[in-house]
């Protein structure tokens, strides 16, 4: 399972590894370089996996601005439904579209709490 692509994102590395024709996108903390990291998504081509790795850090930055943290393969925020990262990557949302989605989730949740 060789590393095909790697970028730094906050205190972690976003890594694409090839394993038997599949390309696994994962995140691993820099303090544990020997670990294989947490799996985020899997792709059938290296190109798709590398594009997803590049997008992931941008999306993760925005999610953190909104108070979300990464837990396994999901963006999570207290008392909010989890957002599966693989699904968000598959939608190929722009930064503005992700912000709109997170704003919408907050409005829906606020409406639900006021009932």
N, C-alpha and C. Protein backbone atom coordinates (compact mmCIF):
# COMPACT_ATOMS: atom_id res chain seq x y z
N UNK A 1 0.85 -1.16 0.00
CA UNK A 1 0.00 0.00 0.00
C UNK A 1 0.90 1.23 0.00
N UNK A 2 1.22 1.75 -1.19
CA UNK A 2 2.13 2.87 -1.30
C UNK A 2 1.40 4.20 -1.32
N UNK A 3 2.08 5.24 -0.80
CA UNK A 3 1.53 6.59 -0.80
C UNK A 3 1.67 7.18 -2.19
N UNK A 4 0.56 7.63 -2.74
CA UNK A 4 0.53 8.23 -4.07
C UNK A 4 0.55 9.75 -3.99
N UNK A 5 0.00 10.30 -2.91
CA UNK A 5 -0.14 11.75 -2.77
C UNK A 5 -0.28 12.07 -1.29
N UNK A 6 0.29 13.23 -0.88
CA UNK A 6 0.21 13.61 0.53
C UNK A 6 0.28 15.13 0.63
N UNK A 7 -0.62 15.72 1.42
CA UNK A 7 -0.57 17.15 1.71
C UNK A 7 -0.82 17.38 3.19
N UNK A 8 -0.32 18.48 3.67
CA UNK A 8 -0.52 18.84 5.08
C UNK A 8 -1.81 19.64 5.20
N UNK A 9 -2.58 19.35 6.24
CA UNK A 9 -3.82 20.06 6.51
C UNK A 9 -3.95 20.19 8.02
N UNK A 10 -3.77 21.40 8.53
CA UNK A 10 -3.74 21.67 9.95
C UNK A 10 -2.64 20.82 10.58
N UNK A 11 -2.96 20.07 11.63
CA UNK A 11 -1.96 19.24 12.30
C UNK A 11 -1.94 17.82 11.78
N UNK A 12 -2.49 17.63 10.58
CA UNK A 12 -2.62 16.29 10.00
C UNK A 12 -2.07 16.24 8.58
N UNK A 13 -1.95 15.03 8.08
CA UNK A 13 -1.60 14.79 6.69
C UNK A 13 -2.80 14.12 6.01
N UNK A 14 -3.12 14.61 4.83
CA UNK A 14 -4.14 13.99 3.99
C UNK A 14 -3.37 13.13 3.00
N UNK A 15 -3.69 11.85 2.96
CA UNK A 15 -2.89 10.89 2.21
C UNK A 15 -3.78 10.08 1.27
N UNK A 16 -3.25 9.85 0.06
CA UNK A 16 -3.89 8.91 -0.87
C UNK A 16 -2.95 7.73 -0.99
N UNK A 17 -3.47 6.55 -0.69
CA UNK A 17 -2.70 5.31 -0.79
C UNK A 17 -3.37 4.39 -1.80
N UNK A 18 -2.55 3.71 -2.57
CA UNK A 18 -3.06 2.73 -3.53
C UNK A 18 -2.98 1.34 -2.90
N UNK A 19 -4.06 0.59 -3.05
CA UNK A 19 -4.09 -0.77 -2.55
C UNK A 19 -4.95 -1.61 -3.48
N UNK A 20 -4.31 -2.48 -4.24
CA UNK A 20 -4.98 -3.40 -5.15
C UNK A 20 -5.95 -2.68 -6.10
N UNK A 21 -5.48 -1.60 -6.69
CA UNK A 21 -6.27 -0.88 -7.68
C UNK A 21 -7.26 0.11 -7.13
N UNK A 22 -7.38 0.20 -5.81
CA UNK A 22 -8.27 1.18 -5.18
C UNK A 22 -7.40 2.25 -4.53
N UNK A 23 -7.91 3.46 -4.48
CA UNK A 23 -7.17 4.60 -3.93
C UNK A 23 -7.91 5.12 -2.71
N UNK A 24 -7.28 4.94 -1.56
CA UNK A 24 -7.89 5.28 -0.29
C UNK A 24 -7.42 6.65 0.18
N UNK A 25 -8.39 7.53 0.47
CA UNK A 25 -8.12 8.85 1.02
C UNK A 25 -8.25 8.74 2.53
N UNK A 26 -7.22 9.15 3.24
CA UNK A 26 -7.26 9.07 4.70
C UNK A 26 -6.58 10.29 5.30
N UNK A 27 -6.81 10.48 6.58
CA UNK A 27 -6.19 11.57 7.33
C UNK A 27 -5.46 10.95 8.50
N UNK A 28 -4.24 11.42 8.74
CA UNK A 28 -3.48 10.92 9.89
C UNK A 28 -2.80 12.09 10.58
N UNK A 29 -2.76 12.00 11.90
CA UNK A 29 -2.13 13.06 12.68
C UNK A 29 -0.63 13.01 12.47
N UNK A 30 -0.02 14.16 12.41
CA UNK A 30 1.42 14.24 12.17
C UNK A 30 2.22 13.68 13.34
N UNK A 31 1.63 13.64 14.53
CA UNK A 31 2.36 13.12 15.69
C UNK A 31 2.49 11.60 15.67
N UNK A 32 1.77 10.92 14.74
CA UNK A 32 1.85 9.47 14.62
C UNK A 32 2.10 9.10 13.15
N UNK A 33 3.30 9.37 12.65
CA UNK A 33 3.57 9.14 11.23
C UNK A 33 3.53 7.68 10.80
N UNK A 34 3.59 6.75 11.73
CA UNK A 34 3.58 5.33 11.37
C UNK A 34 2.18 4.77 11.24
N UNK A 35 1.17 5.50 11.71
CA UNK A 35 -0.20 5.03 11.61
C UNK A 35 -0.72 5.16 10.19
N UNK A 36 -1.74 4.39 9.86
CA UNK A 36 -2.31 4.46 8.51
C UNK A 36 -3.41 5.51 8.42
N UNK A 37 -3.82 6.08 9.55
CA UNK A 37 -4.81 7.15 9.55
C UNK A 37 -6.23 6.65 9.50
N UNK A 38 -7.15 7.61 9.53
CA UNK A 38 -8.58 7.32 9.45
C UNK A 38 -9.04 7.43 8.01
N UNK A 39 -9.70 6.41 7.56
CA UNK A 39 -10.20 6.38 6.18
C UNK A 39 -11.34 7.37 6.01
N UNK A 40 -11.26 8.16 4.95
CA UNK A 40 -12.30 9.13 4.64
C UNK A 40 -13.16 8.65 3.48
N UNK A 41 -12.50 8.19 2.43
CA UNK A 41 -13.23 7.75 1.23
C UNK A 41 -12.31 6.86 0.40
N UNK A 42 -12.90 6.19 -0.59
CA UNK A 42 -12.13 5.34 -1.50
C UNK A 42 -12.58 5.63 -2.92
N UNK A 43 -11.61 5.62 -3.85
CA UNK A 43 -11.88 5.97 -5.24
C UNK A 43 -11.28 4.92 -6.17
N UNK A 44 -11.83 4.87 -7.37
CA UNK A 44 -11.36 3.88 -8.34
C UNK A 44 -10.20 4.38 -9.18
N UNK A 45 -9.93 5.70 -9.14
CA UNK A 45 -8.78 6.22 -9.89
C UNK A 45 -7.94 7.12 -8.99
N UNK A 46 -6.67 7.17 -9.28
CA UNK A 46 -5.77 8.03 -8.53
C UNK A 46 -6.15 9.50 -8.73
N UNK A 47 -6.53 9.85 -9.93
CA UNK A 47 -6.90 11.24 -10.23
C UNK A 47 -8.05 11.72 -9.35
N UNK A 48 -9.10 10.92 -9.24
CA UNK A 48 -10.25 11.28 -8.40
C UNK A 48 -9.85 11.38 -6.93
N UNK A 49 -9.00 10.49 -6.50
CA UNK A 49 -8.58 10.49 -5.10
C UNK A 49 -7.72 11.72 -4.79
N UNK A 50 -6.83 12.09 -5.68
CA UNK A 50 -5.99 13.27 -5.47
C UNK A 50 -6.83 14.54 -5.48
N UNK A 51 -7.77 14.63 -6.39
CA UNK A 51 -8.68 15.80 -6.41
C UNK A 51 -9.47 15.89 -5.11
N UNK A 52 -9.94 14.76 -4.62
CA UNK A 52 -10.68 14.73 -3.36
C UNK A 52 -9.78 15.15 -2.19
N UNK A 53 -8.54 14.73 -2.20
CA UNK A 53 -7.60 15.11 -1.14
C UNK A 53 -7.40 16.62 -1.12
N UNK A 54 -7.25 17.20 -2.29
CA UNK A 54 -7.07 18.65 -2.37
C UNK A 54 -8.31 19.39 -1.88
N UNK A 55 -9.48 18.90 -2.26
CA UNK A 55 -10.74 19.53 -1.85
C UNK A 55 -11.02 19.33 -0.36
N UNK A 56 -10.62 18.18 0.16
CA UNK A 56 -10.92 17.88 1.55
C UNK A 56 -10.42 18.96 2.49
N UNK A 57 -9.18 19.39 2.33
CA UNK A 57 -8.63 20.38 3.25
C UNK A 57 -9.41 21.69 3.17
N UNK A 58 -9.82 22.08 1.98
CA UNK A 58 -10.64 23.30 1.84
C UNK A 58 -11.97 23.13 2.58
N UNK A 59 -12.62 21.99 2.38
CA UNK A 59 -13.90 21.74 3.02
C UNK A 59 -13.76 21.62 4.54
N UNK A 60 -12.69 20.99 4.97
CA UNK A 60 -12.43 20.82 6.40
C UNK A 60 -12.22 22.18 7.07
N UNK A 61 -11.55 23.08 6.38
CA UNK A 61 -11.32 24.43 6.90
C UNK A 61 -12.66 25.13 7.14
N UNK A 62 -13.55 25.04 6.18
CA UNK A 62 -14.87 25.67 6.31
C UNK A 62 -15.67 25.00 7.43
N UNK A 63 -15.66 23.68 7.46
CA UNK A 63 -16.41 22.96 8.50
C UNK A 63 -15.92 23.38 9.89
N UNK A 64 -14.64 23.54 10.04
CA UNK A 64 -14.09 23.96 11.34
C UNK A 64 -14.56 25.38 11.70
N UNK A 65 -14.65 26.25 10.69
CA UNK A 65 -15.15 27.61 10.93
C UNK A 65 -16.56 27.57 11.50
N UNK A 66 -17.34 26.58 11.09
CA UNK A 66 -18.72 26.44 11.54
C UNK A 66 -18.83 25.62 12.82
N UNK A 67 -17.72 25.25 13.42
CA UNK A 67 -17.74 24.54 14.69
C UNK A 67 -17.77 23.03 14.58
N UNK A 68 -17.59 22.48 13.37
CA UNK A 68 -17.57 21.03 13.19
C UNK A 68 -16.16 20.50 13.44
N UNK A 69 -16.08 19.25 13.82
CA UNK A 69 -14.80 18.55 13.92
C UNK A 69 -14.93 17.24 13.13
N UNK A 70 -13.80 16.67 12.81
CA UNK A 70 -13.79 15.41 12.06
C UNK A 70 -13.77 14.25 13.05
N UNK A 71 -14.71 13.35 12.88
CA UNK A 71 -14.77 12.15 13.69
C UNK A 71 -14.98 10.98 12.74
N UNK A 72 -13.94 10.18 12.57
CA UNK A 72 -14.01 9.11 11.58
C UNK A 72 -14.15 9.73 10.19
N UNK A 73 -15.18 9.37 9.50
CA UNK A 73 -15.41 9.90 8.17
C UNK A 73 -16.54 10.93 8.12
N UNK A 74 -16.81 11.58 9.27
CA UNK A 74 -17.91 12.53 9.32
C UNK A 74 -17.48 13.84 9.96
N UNK A 75 -18.08 14.93 9.46
CA UNK A 75 -17.98 16.21 10.16
C UNK A 75 -19.09 16.19 11.20
N UNK A 76 -18.73 16.45 12.45
CA UNK A 76 -19.71 16.41 13.53
C UNK A 76 -19.67 17.69 14.34
N UNK A 77 -20.85 18.05 14.82
CA UNK A 77 -21.01 19.21 15.68
C UNK A 77 -22.06 18.84 16.71
N UNK A 78 -21.84 19.22 17.94
CA UNK A 78 -22.76 18.88 19.02
C UNK A 78 -24.19 19.24 18.66
N UNK A 79 -25.08 18.31 18.86
CA UNK A 79 -26.52 18.47 18.64
C UNK A 79 -26.91 18.73 17.19
N UNK A 80 -26.03 18.41 16.26
CA UNK A 80 -26.34 18.54 14.83
C UNK A 80 -26.16 17.17 14.19
N UNK A 81 -26.89 16.89 13.12
CA UNK A 81 -26.69 15.60 12.45
C UNK A 81 -25.30 15.56 11.81
N UNK A 82 -24.65 14.40 11.82
CA UNK A 82 -23.32 14.29 11.21
C UNK A 82 -23.41 14.44 9.69
N UNK A 83 -22.33 14.95 9.11
CA UNK A 83 -22.23 15.10 7.66
C UNK A 83 -21.15 14.18 7.14
N UNK A 84 -21.51 13.12 6.42
CA UNK A 84 -20.51 12.19 5.89
C UNK A 84 -19.59 12.88 4.87
N UNK A 85 -18.31 12.86 5.14
CA UNK A 85 -17.33 13.55 4.30
C UNK A 85 -17.32 12.98 2.88
N UNK A 86 -17.40 11.67 2.74
CA UNK A 86 -17.37 11.05 1.40
C UNK A 86 -18.52 11.58 0.55
N UNK A 87 -19.69 11.76 1.16
CA UNK A 87 -20.85 12.28 0.42
C UNK A 87 -20.62 13.72 -0.02
N UNK A 88 -20.07 14.52 0.87
CA UNK A 88 -19.82 15.92 0.54
C UNK A 88 -18.78 16.01 -0.58
N UNK A 89 -17.75 15.19 -0.50
CA UNK A 89 -16.73 15.18 -1.56
C UNK A 89 -17.34 14.74 -2.89
N UNK A 90 -18.21 13.76 -2.85
CA UNK A 90 -18.84 13.24 -4.07
C UNK A 90 -19.72 14.30 -4.73
N UNK A 91 -20.35 15.15 -3.93
CA UNK A 91 -21.20 16.22 -4.47
C UNK A 91 -20.38 17.31 -5.16
N UNK A 92 -19.07 17.34 -4.89
CA UNK A 92 -18.17 18.34 -5.47
C UNK A 92 -18.67 19.76 -5.22
N UNK A 93 -19.05 20.02 -3.98
CA UNK A 93 -19.54 21.34 -3.60
C UNK A 93 -18.43 22.37 -3.65
N UNK A 94 -18.77 23.55 -4.10
CA UNK A 94 -17.82 24.66 -4.02
C UNK A 94 -17.79 25.12 -2.57
N UNK A 95 -16.85 26.00 -2.25
CA UNK A 95 -16.79 26.53 -0.90
C UNK A 95 -18.08 27.27 -0.55
N UNK A 96 -18.60 28.05 -1.48
CA UNK A 96 -19.84 28.80 -1.25
C UNK A 96 -21.02 27.84 -1.04
N UNK A 97 -21.06 26.76 -1.81
CA UNK A 97 -22.14 25.79 -1.67
C UNK A 97 -22.07 25.07 -0.33
N UNK A 98 -20.85 24.76 0.15
CA UNK A 98 -20.73 24.12 1.46
C UNK A 98 -21.18 25.09 2.55
N UNK A 99 -20.78 26.35 2.45
CA UNK A 99 -21.23 27.34 3.43
C UNK A 99 -22.76 27.43 3.44
N UNK A 100 -23.37 27.44 2.25
CA UNK A 100 -24.83 27.49 2.15
C UNK A 100 -25.46 26.26 2.80
N UNK A 101 -24.87 25.08 2.58
CA UNK A 101 -25.37 23.85 3.18
C UNK A 101 -25.29 23.92 4.70
N UNK A 102 -24.15 24.38 5.23
CA UNK A 102 -23.99 24.46 6.68
C UNK A 102 -24.92 25.51 7.28
N UNK A 103 -25.12 26.62 6.57
CA UNK A 103 -26.08 27.64 7.03
C UNK A 103 -27.49 27.06 7.06
N UNK A 104 -27.84 26.30 6.02
CA UNK A 104 -29.16 25.68 5.95
C UNK A 104 -29.35 24.67 7.08
N UNK A 105 -28.34 23.87 7.34
CA UNK A 105 -28.41 22.90 8.45
C UNK A 105 -28.65 23.63 9.77
N UNK A 106 -27.96 24.74 9.98
CA UNK A 106 -28.12 25.51 11.22
C UNK A 106 -29.54 26.07 11.32
N UNK A 107 -30.09 26.59 10.21
CA UNK A 107 -31.45 27.13 10.22
C UNK A 107 -32.47 26.03 10.51
N UNK A 108 -32.31 24.89 9.86
CA UNK A 108 -33.24 23.77 10.09
C UNK A 108 -33.18 23.33 11.54
N UNK A 109 -31.97 23.21 12.07
CA UNK A 109 -31.82 22.78 13.46
C UNK A 109 -32.43 23.81 14.41
N UNK A 110 -32.20 25.11 14.15
CA UNK A 110 -32.77 26.16 15.01
C UNK A 110 -34.29 26.13 14.97
N UNK A 111 -34.88 25.90 13.79
CA UNK A 111 -36.33 25.81 13.66
C UNK A 111 -36.84 24.61 14.45
N UNK A 112 -36.13 23.50 14.38
CA UNK A 112 -36.53 22.28 15.08
C UNK A 112 -36.53 22.51 16.58
N UNK A 113 -35.52 23.23 17.09
CA UNK A 113 -35.42 23.48 18.52
C UNK A 113 -36.51 24.43 19.01
N UNK A 114 -36.98 25.34 18.13
CA UNK A 114 -37.98 26.29 18.57
C UNK A 114 -39.39 25.72 18.58
N UNK A 115 -39.58 24.53 18.05
CA UNK A 115 -40.93 23.93 18.05
C UNK A 115 -41.34 23.46 19.43
